[in-house]
Amino acid sequence: MSKLNNEELEILEAFDNGKLKRSKNVSEQLENHQVISEASFKKDARINIRLSSKDLRAIQSKALREGMPYQTLVASVIHKYVDGQLIEKAM
């Protein structure tokens, strides 16, 4: 199991102790989450970029090791960058 943060540990403990209660409007919440999720991850734009052959091979190799298409890996990296999840290392 991966490392859990404090909030995740509290949730897991509450679940194990039977303290979690099901929401009264579960189906409505699930439907809302589905709509939001689909809107968030809808891929509706195309781009064309030029890369060096070396970089493309490296991306394809990493994607292969991750078990995904390289375009998906590139899209994921761009999404994480835009979302602020990628942080540049100081050299």
PDB file of N, CA and C in Angstrom:
ATOM      1  N   MET A   1       0.844  -1.178   0.000  1.00  0.00           N
ATOM      2  CA  MET A   1       0.000   0.000   0.000  1.00  0.00           C
ATOM      3  C   MET A   1       0.889   1.240   0.000  1.00  0.00           C
ATOM      4  N   SER A   2       0.479   2.257  -0.723  1.00  0.00           N
ATOM      5  CA  SER A   2       1.262   3.478  -0.767  1.00  0.00           C
ATOM      6  C   SER A   2       1.101   4.236   0.549  1.00  0.00           C
ATOM      7  N   LYS A   3       1.982   5.189   0.769  1.00  0.00           N
ATOM      8  CA  LYS A   3       1.925   5.988   1.986  1.00  0.00           C
ATOM      9  C   LYS A   3       0.693   6.882   1.952  1.00  0.00           C
ATOM     10  N   LEU A   4      -0.005   6.943   3.051  1.00  0.00           N
ATOM     11  CA  LEU A   4      -1.197   7.773   3.160  1.00  0.00           C
ATOM     12  C   LEU A   4      -0.886   9.010   3.978  1.00  0.00           C
ATOM     13  N   ASN A   5      -1.506  10.141   3.603  1.00  0.00           N
ATOM     14  CA  ASN A   5      -1.316  11.340   4.407  1.00  0.00           C
ATOM     15  C   ASN A   5      -2.256  11.283   5.615  1.00  0.00           C
ATOM     16  N   ASN A   6      -2.178  12.257   6.501  1.00  0.00           N
ATOM     17  CA  ASN A   6      -2.960  12.230   7.741  1.00  0.00           C
ATOM     18  C   ASN A   6      -4.462  12.186   7.474  1.00  0.00           C
ATOM     19  N   GLU A   7      -4.920  12.969   6.509  1.00  0.00           N
ATOM     20  CA  GLU A   7      -6.341  12.995   6.197  1.00  0.00           C
ATOM     21  C   GLU A   7      -6.812  11.623   5.699  1.00  0.00           C
ATOM     22  N   GLU A   8      -6.019  11.013   4.838  1.00  0.00           N
ATOM     23  CA  GLU A   8      -6.366   9.692   4.313  1.00  0.00           C
ATOM     24  C   GLU A   8      -6.374   8.642   5.429  1.00  0.00           C
ATOM     25  N   LEU A   9      -5.424   8.750   6.356  1.00  0.00           N
ATOM     26  CA  LEU A   9      -5.391   7.818   7.486  1.00  0.00           C
ATOM     27  C   LEU A   9      -6.623   7.971   8.367  1.00  0.00           C
ATOM     28  N   GLU A  10      -7.060   9.220   8.586  1.00  0.00           N
ATOM     29  CA  GLU A  10      -8.268   9.463   9.384  1.00  0.00           C
ATOM     30  C   GLU A  10      -9.494   8.850   8.705  1.00  0.00           C
ATOM     31  N   ILE A  11      -9.590   9.001   7.394  1.00  0.00           N
ATOM     32  CA  ILE A  11     -10.719   8.439   6.654  1.00  0.00           C
ATOM     33  C   ILE A  11     -10.700   6.924   6.739  1.00  0.00           C
ATOM     34  N   LEU A  12      -9.539   6.323   6.545  1.00  0.00           N
ATOM     35  CA  LEU A  12      -9.403   4.871   6.624  1.00  0.00           C
ATOM     36  C   LEU A  12      -9.770   4.360   8.010  1.00  0.00           C
ATOM     37  N   GLU A  13      -9.320   5.056   9.034  1.00  0.00           N
ATOM     38  CA  GLU A  13      -9.632   4.659  10.413  1.00  0.00           C
ATOM     39  C   GLU A  13     -11.140   4.758  10.674  1.00  0.00           C
ATOM     40  N   ALA A  14     -11.760   5.841  10.216  1.00  0.00           N
ATOM     41  CA  ALA A  14     -13.212   6.006  10.380  1.00  0.00           C
ATOM     42  C   ALA A  14     -13.958   4.890   9.651  1.00  0.00           C
ATOM     43  N   PHE A  15     -13.490   4.538   8.467  1.00  0.00           N
ATOM     44  CA  PHE A  15     -14.119   3.444   7.705  1.00  0.00           C
ATOM     45  C   PHE A  15     -13.987   2.130   8.468  1.00  0.00           C
ATOM     46  N   ASP A  16     -12.784   1.844   8.940  1.00  0.00           N
ATOM     47  CA  ASP A  16     -12.542   0.595   9.679  1.00  0.00           C
ATOM     48  C   ASP A  16     -13.382   0.509  10.945  1.00  0.00           C
ATOM     49  N   ASN A  17     -13.648   1.660  11.579  1.00  0.00           N
ATOM     50  CA  ASN A  17     -14.416   1.688  12.818  1.00  0.00           C
ATOM     51  C   ASN A  17     -15.924   1.811  12.579  1.00  0.00           C
ATOM     52  N   GLY A  18     -16.338   1.837  11.313  1.00  0.00           N
ATOM     53  CA  GLY A  18     -17.759   1.923  11.001  1.00  0.00           C
ATOM     54  C   GLY A  18     -18.372   3.280  11.263  1.00  0.00           C
ATOM     55  N   LYS A  19     -17.562   4.323  11.297  1.00  0.00           N
ATOM     56  CA  LYS A  19     -18.061   5.669  11.609  1.00  0.00           C
ATOM     57  C   LYS A  19     -18.481   6.457  10.375  1.00  0.00           C
ATOM     58  N   LEU A  20     -18.208   5.940   9.190  1.00  0.00           N
ATOM     59  CA  LEU A  20     -18.602   6.655   7.982  1.00  0.00           C
ATOM     60  C   LEU A  20     -20.058   6.365   7.669  1.00  0.00           C
ATOM     61  N   LYS A  21     -20.791   7.393   7.284  1.00  0.00           N
ATOM     62  CA  LYS A  21     -22.197   7.255   6.934  1.00  0.00           C
ATOM     63  C   LYS A  21     -22.364   7.537   5.448  1.00  0.00           C
ATOM     64  N   ARG A  22     -23.241   6.793   4.812  1.00  0.00           N
ATOM     65  CA  ARG A  22     -23.537   6.998   3.394  1.00  0.00           C
ATOM     66  C   ARG A  22     -24.356   8.271   3.241  1.00  0.00           C
ATOM     67  N   SER A  23     -24.019   9.043   2.229  1.00  0.00           N
ATOM     68  CA  SER A  23     -24.755  10.266   1.933  1.00  0.00           C
ATOM     69  C   SER A  23     -26.194   9.922   1.580  1.00  0.00           C
ATOM     70  N   LYS A  24     -27.112  10.834   1.888  1.00  0.00           N
ATOM     71  CA  LYS A  24     -28.525  10.583   1.630  1.00  0.00           C
ATOM     72  C   LYS A  24     -28.855  10.621   0.137  1.00  0.00           C
ATOM     73  N   ASN A  25     -28.090  11.393  -0.637  1.00  0.00           N
ATOM     74  CA  ASN A  25     -28.381  11.530  -2.063  1.00  0.00           C
ATOM     75  C   ASN A  25     -27.209  11.017  -2.901  1.00  0.00           C
ATOM     76  N   VAL A  26     -26.847   9.766  -2.671  1.00  0.00           N
ATOM     77  CA  VAL A  26     -25.689   9.156  -3.321  1.00  0.00           C
ATOM     78  C   VAL A  26     -25.810   9.180  -4.841  1.00  0.00           C
ATOM     79  N   SER A  27     -26.957   8.761  -5.359  1.00  0.00           N
ATOM     80  CA  SER A  27     -27.088   8.677  -6.817  1.00  0.00           C
ATOM     81  C   SER A  27     -26.966  10.055  -7.463  1.00  0.00           C
ATOM     82  N   GLU A  28     -27.512  11.068  -6.831  1.00  0.00           N
ATOM     83  CA  GLU A  28     -27.398  12.435  -7.373  1.00  0.00           C
ATOM     84  C   GLU A  28     -25.947  12.905  -7.342  1.00  0.00           C
ATOM     85  N   GLN A  29     -25.252  12.646  -6.251  1.00  0.00           N
ATOM     86  CA  GLN A  29     -23.851  13.039  -6.145  1.00  0.00           C
ATOM     87  C   GLN A  29     -22.990  12.299  -7.163  1.00  0.00           C
ATOM     88  N   LEU A  30     -23.231  11.009  -7.338  1.00  0.00           N
ATOM     89  CA  LEU A  30     -22.467  10.237  -8.324  1.00  0.00           C
ATOM     90  C   LEU A  30     -22.693  10.782  -9.731  1.00  0.00           C
ATOM     91  N   GLU A  31     -23.926  11.125 -10.037  1.00  0.00           N
ATOM     92  CA  GLU A  31     -24.237  11.688 -11.349  1.00  0.00           C
ATOM     93  C   GLU A  31     -23.526  13.017 -11.555  1.00  0.00           C
ATOM     94  N   ASN A  32     -23.532  13.869 -10.527  1.00  0.00           N
ATOM     95  CA  ASN A  32     -22.832  15.158 -10.616  1.00  0.00           C
ATOM     96  C   ASN A  32     -21.332  14.967 -10.802  1.00  0.00           C
ATOM     97  N   HIS A  33     -20.756  14.035 -10.065  1.00  0.00           N
ATOM     98  CA  HIS A  33     -19.321  13.768 -10.186  1.00  0.00           C
ATOM     99  C   HIS A  33     -18.981  13.232 -11.571  1.00  0.00           C
ATOM    100  N   GLN A  34     -19.864  12.410 -12.119  1.00  0.00           N
ATOM    101  CA  GLN A  34     -19.641  11.862 -13.460  1.00  0.00           C
ATOM    102  C   GLN A  34     -19.616  12.981 -14.495  1.00  0.00           C
ATOM    103  N   VAL A  35     -20.568  13.908 -14.399  1.00  0.00           N
ATOM    104  CA  VAL A  35     -20.643  15.027 -15.344  1.00  0.00           C
ATOM    105  C   VAL A  35     -19.389  15.894 -15.235  1.00  0.00           C
ATOM    106  N   ILE A  36     -18.983  16.194 -14.017  1.00  0.00           N
ATOM    107  CA  ILE A  36     -17.794  17.020 -13.790  1.00  0.00           C
ATOM    108  C   ILE A  36     -16.548  16.320 -14.309  1.00  0.00           C
ATOM    109  N   SER A  37     -16.442  15.025 -14.033  1.00  0.00           N
ATOM    110  CA  SER A  37     -15.288  14.254 -14.480  1.00  0.00           C
ATOM    111  C   SER A  37     -15.182  14.227 -15.998  1.00  0.00           C
ATOM    112  N   GLU A  38     -16.303  13.982 -16.661  1.00  0.00           N
ATOM    113  CA  GLU A  38     -16.283  13.938 -18.123  1.00  0.00           C
ATOM    114  C   GLU A  38     -15.897  15.282 -18.712  1.00  0.00           C
ATOM    115  N   ALA A  39     -16.384  16.364 -18.118  1.00  0.00           N
ATOM    116  CA  ALA A  39     -16.054  17.700 -18.614  1.00  0.00           C
ATOM    117  C   ALA A  39     -14.586  18.032 -18.371  1.00  0.00           C
ATOM    118  N   SER A  40     -14.047  17.553 -17.259  1.00  0.00           N
ATOM    119  CA  SER A  40     -12.668  17.868 -16.904  1.00  0.00           C
ATOM    120  C   SER A  40     -11.659  17.178 -17.814  1.00  0.00           C
ATOM    121  N   PHE A  41     -11.978  15.983 -18.254  1.00  0.00           N
ATOM    122  CA  PHE A  41     -11.019  15.204 -19.003  1.00  0.00           C
ATOM    123  C   PHE A  41     -11.355  15.063 -20.483  1.00  0.00           C
ATOM    124  N   LYS A  42     -12.321  15.826 -20.937  1.00  0.00           N
ATOM    125  CA  LYS A  42     -12.700  15.768 -22.344  1.00  0.00           C
ATOM    126  C   LYS A  42     -11.567  16.344 -23.187  1.00  0.00           C
ATOM    127  N   LYS A  43     -11.134  15.580 -24.147  1.00  0.00           N
ATOM    128  CA  LYS A  43     -10.062  16.029 -25.034  1.00  0.00           C
ATOM    129  C   LYS A  43     -10.707  16.532 -26.314  1.00  0.00           C
ATOM    130  N   ASP A  44     -10.773  17.836 -26.452  1.00  0.00           N
ATOM    131  CA  ASP A  44     -11.482  18.413 -27.586  1.00  0.00           C
ATOM    132  C   ASP A  44     -10.603  19.330 -28.439  1.00  0.00           C
ATOM    133  N   ALA A  45      -9.303  19.286 -28.229  1.00  0.00           N
ATOM    134  CA  ALA A  45      -8.395  20.120 -29.025  1.00  0.00           C
ATOM    135  C   ALA A  45      -7.196  19.283 -29.451  1.00  0.00           C
ATOM    136  N   ARG A  46      -6.665  19.622 -30.621  1.00  0.00           N
ATOM    137  CA  ARG A  46      -5.493  18.921 -31.147  1.00  0.00           C
ATOM    138  C   ARG A  46      -4.346  19.910 -31.254  1.00  0.00           C
ATOM    139  N   ILE A  47      -3.130  19.399 -31.079  1.00  0.00           N
ATOM    140  CA  ILE A  47      -1.941  20.213 -31.311  1.00  0.00           C
ATOM    141  C   ILE A  47      -0.943  19.391 -32.117  1.00  0.00           C
ATOM    142  N   ASN A  48      -0.082  20.085 -32.808  1.00  0.00           N
ATOM    143  CA  ASN A  48       1.041  19.454 -33.497  1.00  0.00           C
ATOM    144  C   ASN A  48       2.309  20.123 -32.981  1.00  0.00           C
ATOM    145  N   ILE A  49       3.279  19.328 -32.596  1.00  0.00           N
ATOM    146  CA  ILE A  49       4.540  19.883 -32.109  1.00  0.00           C
ATOM    147  C   ILE A  49       5.692  19.156 -32.778  1.00  0.00           C
ATOM    148  N   ARG A  50       6.821  19.828 -32.840  1.00  0.00           N
ATOM    149  CA  ARG A  50       8.039  19.212 -33.355  1.00  0.00           C
ATOM    150  C   ARG A  50       8.952  18.926 -32.175  1.00  0.00           C
ATOM    151  N   LEU A  51       9.477  17.702 -32.157  1.00  0.00           N
ATOM    152  CA  LEU A  51      10.409  17.264 -31.121  1.00  0.00           C
ATOM    153  C   LEU A  51      11.639  16.687 -31.796  1.00  0.00           C
ATOM    154  N   SER A  52      12.703  16.647 -31.044  1.00  0.00           N
ATOM    155  CA  SER A  52      13.866  15.938 -31.571  1.00  0.00           C
ATOM    156  C   SER A  52      13.551  14.442 -31.545  1.00  0.00           C
ATOM    157  N   SER A  53      14.159  13.717 -32.465  1.00  0.00           N
ATOM    158  CA  SER A  53      13.959  12.266 -32.507  1.00  0.00           C
ATOM    159  C   SER A  53      14.360  11.622 -31.192  1.00  0.00           C
ATOM    160  N   LYS A  54      15.417  12.122 -30.591  1.00  0.00           N
ATOM    161  CA  LYS A  54      15.903  11.590 -29.313  1.00  0.00           C
ATOM    162  C   LYS A  54      14.845  11.752 -28.224  1.00  0.00           C
ATOM    163  N   ASP A  55      14.251  12.951 -28.136  1.00  0.00           N
ATOM    164  CA  ASP A  55      13.222  13.183 -27.124  1.00  0.00           C
ATOM    165  C   ASP A  55      11.999  12.308 -27.371  1.00  0.00           C
ATOM    166  N   LEU A  56      11.589  12.185 -28.620  1.00  0.00           N
ATOM    167  CA  LEU A  56      10.427  11.360 -28.941  1.00  0.00           C
ATOM    168  C   LEU A  56      10.674   9.905 -28.553  1.00  0.00           C
ATOM    169  N   ARG A  57      11.847   9.387 -28.868  1.00  0.00           N
ATOM    170  CA  ARG A  57      12.168   8.000 -28.493  1.00  0.00           C
ATOM    171  C   ARG A  57      12.157   7.832 -26.975  1.00  0.00           C
ATOM    172  N   ALA A  58      12.682   8.821 -26.266  1.00  0.00           N
ATOM    173  CA  ALA A  58      12.705   8.749 -24.799  1.00  0.00           C
ATOM    174  C   ALA A  58      11.284   8.760 -24.232  1.00  0.00           C
ATOM    175  N   ILE A  59      10.425   9.606 -24.792  1.00  0.00           N
ATOM    176  CA  ILE A  59       9.027   9.661 -24.351  1.00  0.00           C
ATOM    177  C   ILE A  59       8.333   8.334 -24.644  1.00  0.00           C
ATOM    178  N   GLN A  60       8.541   7.812 -25.844  1.00  0.00           N
ATOM    179  CA  GLN A  60       7.922   6.540 -26.206  1.00  0.00           C
ATOM    180  C   GLN A  60       8.399   5.408 -25.302  1.00  0.00           C
ATOM    181  N   SER A  61       9.672   5.439 -24.953  1.00  0.00           N
ATOM    182  CA  SER A  61      10.235   4.417 -24.075  1.00  0.00           C
ATOM    183  C   SER A  61       9.620   4.497 -22.681  1.00  0.00           C
ATOM    184  N   LYS A  62       9.521   5.715 -22.152  1.00  0.00           N
ATOM    185  CA  LYS A  62       8.922   5.889 -20.823  1.00  0.00           C
ATOM    186  C   LYS A  62       7.454   5.466 -20.838  1.00  0.00           C
ATOM    187  N   ALA A  63       6.738   5.818 -21.890  1.00  0.00           N
ATOM    188  CA  ALA A  63       5.322   5.451 -21.992  1.00  0.00           C
ATOM    189  C   ALA A  63       5.171   3.936 -22.055  1.00  0.00           C
ATOM    190  N   LEU A  64       6.049   3.279 -22.785  1.00  0.00           N
ATOM    191  CA  LEU A  64       6.008   1.831 -22.884  1.00  0.00           C
ATOM    192  C   LEU A  64       6.205   1.191 -21.506  1.00  0.00           C
ATOM    193  N   ARG A  65       7.167   1.712 -20.747  1.00  0.00           N
ATOM    194  CA  ARG A  65       7.396   1.194 -19.393  1.00  0.00           C
ATOM    195  C   ARG A  65       6.190   1.423 -18.490  1.00  0.00           C
ATOM    196  N   GLU A  66       5.461   2.523 -18.724  1.00  0.00           N
ATOM    197  CA  GLU A  66       4.271   2.827 -17.923  1.00  0.00           C
ATOM    198  C   GLU A  66       3.037   2.089 -18.442  1.00  0.00           C
ATOM    199  N   GLY A  67       3.147   1.508 -19.627  1.00  0.00           N
ATOM    200  CA  GLY A  67       2.026   0.772 -20.188  1.00  0.00           C
ATOM    201  C   GLY A  67       0.931   1.652 -20.758  1.00  0.00           C
ATOM    202  N   MET A  68       1.334   2.761 -21.378  1.00  0.00           N
ATOM    203  CA  MET A  68       0.345   3.671 -21.958  1.00  0.00           C
ATOM    204  C   MET A  68       0.847   4.214 -23.280  1.00  0.00           C
ATOM    205  N   PRO A  69      -0.052   4.714 -24.125  1.00  0.00           N
ATOM    206  CA  PRO A  69       0.386   5.345 -25.362  1.00  0.00           C
ATOM    207  C   PRO A  69       1.194   6.614 -25.059  1.00  0.00           C
ATOM    208  N   TYR A  70       2.166   6.911 -25.893  1.00  0.00           N
ATOM    209  CA  TYR A  70       3.017   8.069 -25.606  1.00  0.00           C
ATOM    210  C   TYR A  70       2.240   9.374 -25.667  1.00  0.00           C
ATOM    211  N   GLN A  71       1.187   9.435 -26.506  1.00  0.00           N
ATOM    212  CA  GLN A  71       0.383  10.659 -26.562  1.00  0.00           C
ATOM    213  C   GLN A  71      -0.314  10.898 -25.223  1.00  0.00           C
ATOM    214  N   THR A  72      -0.744   9.832 -24.578  1.00  0.00           N
ATOM    215  CA  THR A  72      -1.387   9.946 -23.270  1.00  0.00           C
ATOM    216  C   THR A  72      -0.389  10.457 -22.241  1.00  0.00           C
ATOM    217  N   LEU A  73       0.838   9.967 -22.302  1.00  0.00           N
ATOM    218  CA  LEU A  73       1.875  10.442 -21.380  1.00  0.00           C
ATOM    219  C   LEU A  73       2.141  11.930 -21.587  1.00  0.00           C
ATOM    220  N   VAL A  74       2.275  12.357 -22.834  1.00  0.00           N
ATOM    221  CA  VAL A  74       2.514  13.773 -23.131  1.00  0.00           C
ATOM    222  C   VAL A  74       1.350  14.620 -22.615  1.00  0.00           C
ATOM    223  N   ALA A  75       0.116  14.181 -22.875  1.00  0.00           N
ATOM    224  CA  ALA A  75      -1.057  14.920 -22.402  1.00  0.00           C
ATOM    225  C   ALA A  75      -1.075  15.001 -20.883  1.00  0.00           C
ATOM    226  N   SER A  76      -0.677  13.928 -20.217  1.00  0.00           N
ATOM    227  CA  SER A  76      -0.641  13.903 -18.760  1.00  0.00           C
ATOM    228  C   SER A  76       0.394  14.884 -18.211  1.00  0.00           C
ATOM    229  N   VAL A  77       1.564  14.923 -18.827  1.00  0.00           N
ATOM    230  CA  VAL A  77       2.615  15.846 -18.395  1.00  0.00           C
ATOM    231  C   VAL A  77       2.145  17.289 -18.565  1.00  0.00           C
ATOM    232  N   ILE A  78       1.519  17.585 -19.700  1.00  0.00           N
ATOM    233  CA  ILE A  78       1.017  18.946 -19.941  1.00  0.00           C
ATOM    234  C   ILE A  78      -0.058  19.289 -18.916  1.00  0.00           C
ATOM    235  N   HIS A  79      -0.973  18.365 -18.658  1.00  0.00           N
ATOM    236  CA  HIS A  79      -2.033  18.613 -17.684  1.00  0.00           C
ATOM    237  C   HIS A  79      -1.447  18.887 -16.297  1.00  0.00           C
ATOM    238  N   LYS A  80      -0.485  18.075 -15.886  1.00  0.00           N
ATOM    239  CA  LYS A  80       0.125  18.264 -14.571  1.00  0.00           C
ATOM    240  C   LYS A  80       0.857  19.596 -14.491  1.00  0.00           C
ATOM    241  N   TYR A  81       1.510  19.994 -15.559  1.00  0.00           N
ATOM    242  CA  TYR A  81       2.208  21.284 -15.583  1.00  0.00           C
ATOM    243  C   TYR A  81       1.214  22.427 -15.425  1.00  0.00           C
ATOM    244  N   VAL A  82       0.147  22.390 -16.216  1.00  0.00           N
ATOM    245  CA  VAL A  82      -0.858  23.455 -16.172  1.00  0.00           C
ATOM    246  C   VAL A  82      -1.532  23.503 -14.803  1.00  0.00           C
ATOM    247  N   ASP A  83      -1.720  22.326 -14.190  1.00  0.00           N
ATOM    248  CA  ASP A  83      -2.389  22.221 -12.897  1.00  0.00           C
ATOM    249  C   ASP A  83      -1.465  22.573 -11.732  1.00  0.00           C
ATOM    250  N   GLY A  84      -0.174  22.818 -12.024  1.00  0.00           N
ATOM    251  CA  GLY A  84       0.775  23.180 -10.969  1.00  0.00           C
ATOM    252  C   GLY A  84       1.351  21.998 -10.221  1.00  0.00           C
ATOM    253  N   GLN A  85       1.176  20.806 -10.747  1.00  0.00           N
ATOM    254  CA  GLN A  85       1.680  19.611 -10.071  1.00  0.00           C
ATOM    255  C   GLN A  85       3.119  19.299 -10.442  1.00  0.00           C
ATOM    256  N   LEU A  86       3.633  19.877 -11.512  1.00  0.00           N
ATOM    257  CA  LEU A  86       5.035  19.690 -11.891  1.00  0.00           C
ATOM    258  C   LEU A  86       5.820  20.897 -11.417  1.00  0.00           C
ATOM    259  N   ILE A  87       6.880  20.636 -10.698  1.00  0.00           N
ATOM    260  CA  ILE A  87       7.696  21.712 -10.159  1.00  0.00           C
ATOM    261  C   ILE A  87       9.100  21.579 -10.722  1.00  0.00           C
ATOM    262  N   GLU A  88       9.612  22.682 -11.268  1.00  0.00           N
ATOM    263  CA  GLU A  88      10.935  22.680 -11.863  1.00  0.00           C
ATOM    264  C   GLU A  88      11.991  22.545 -10.763  1.00  0.00           C
ATOM    265  N   LYS A  89      12.954  21.656 -10.991  1.00  0.00           N
ATOM    266  CA  LYS A  89      14.044  21.476 -10.038  1.00  0.00           C
ATOM    267  C   LYS A  89      15.060  22.590 -10.197  1.00  0.00           C
ATOM    268  N   ALA A  90      15.586  23.085  -9.093  1.00  0.00           N
ATOM    269  CA  ALA A  90      16.661  24.072  -9.152  1.00  0.00           C
ATOM    270  C   ALA A  90      17.957  23.340  -9.468  1.00  0.00           C
ATOM    271  N   MET A  91      18.752  23.929 -10.350  1.00  0.00           N
ATOM    272  CA  MET A  91      20.001  23.281 -10.733  1.00  0.00           C
ATOM    273  C   MET A  91      21.164  23.877 -10.001  1.00  0.00           C
TER     274      MET A  91
END
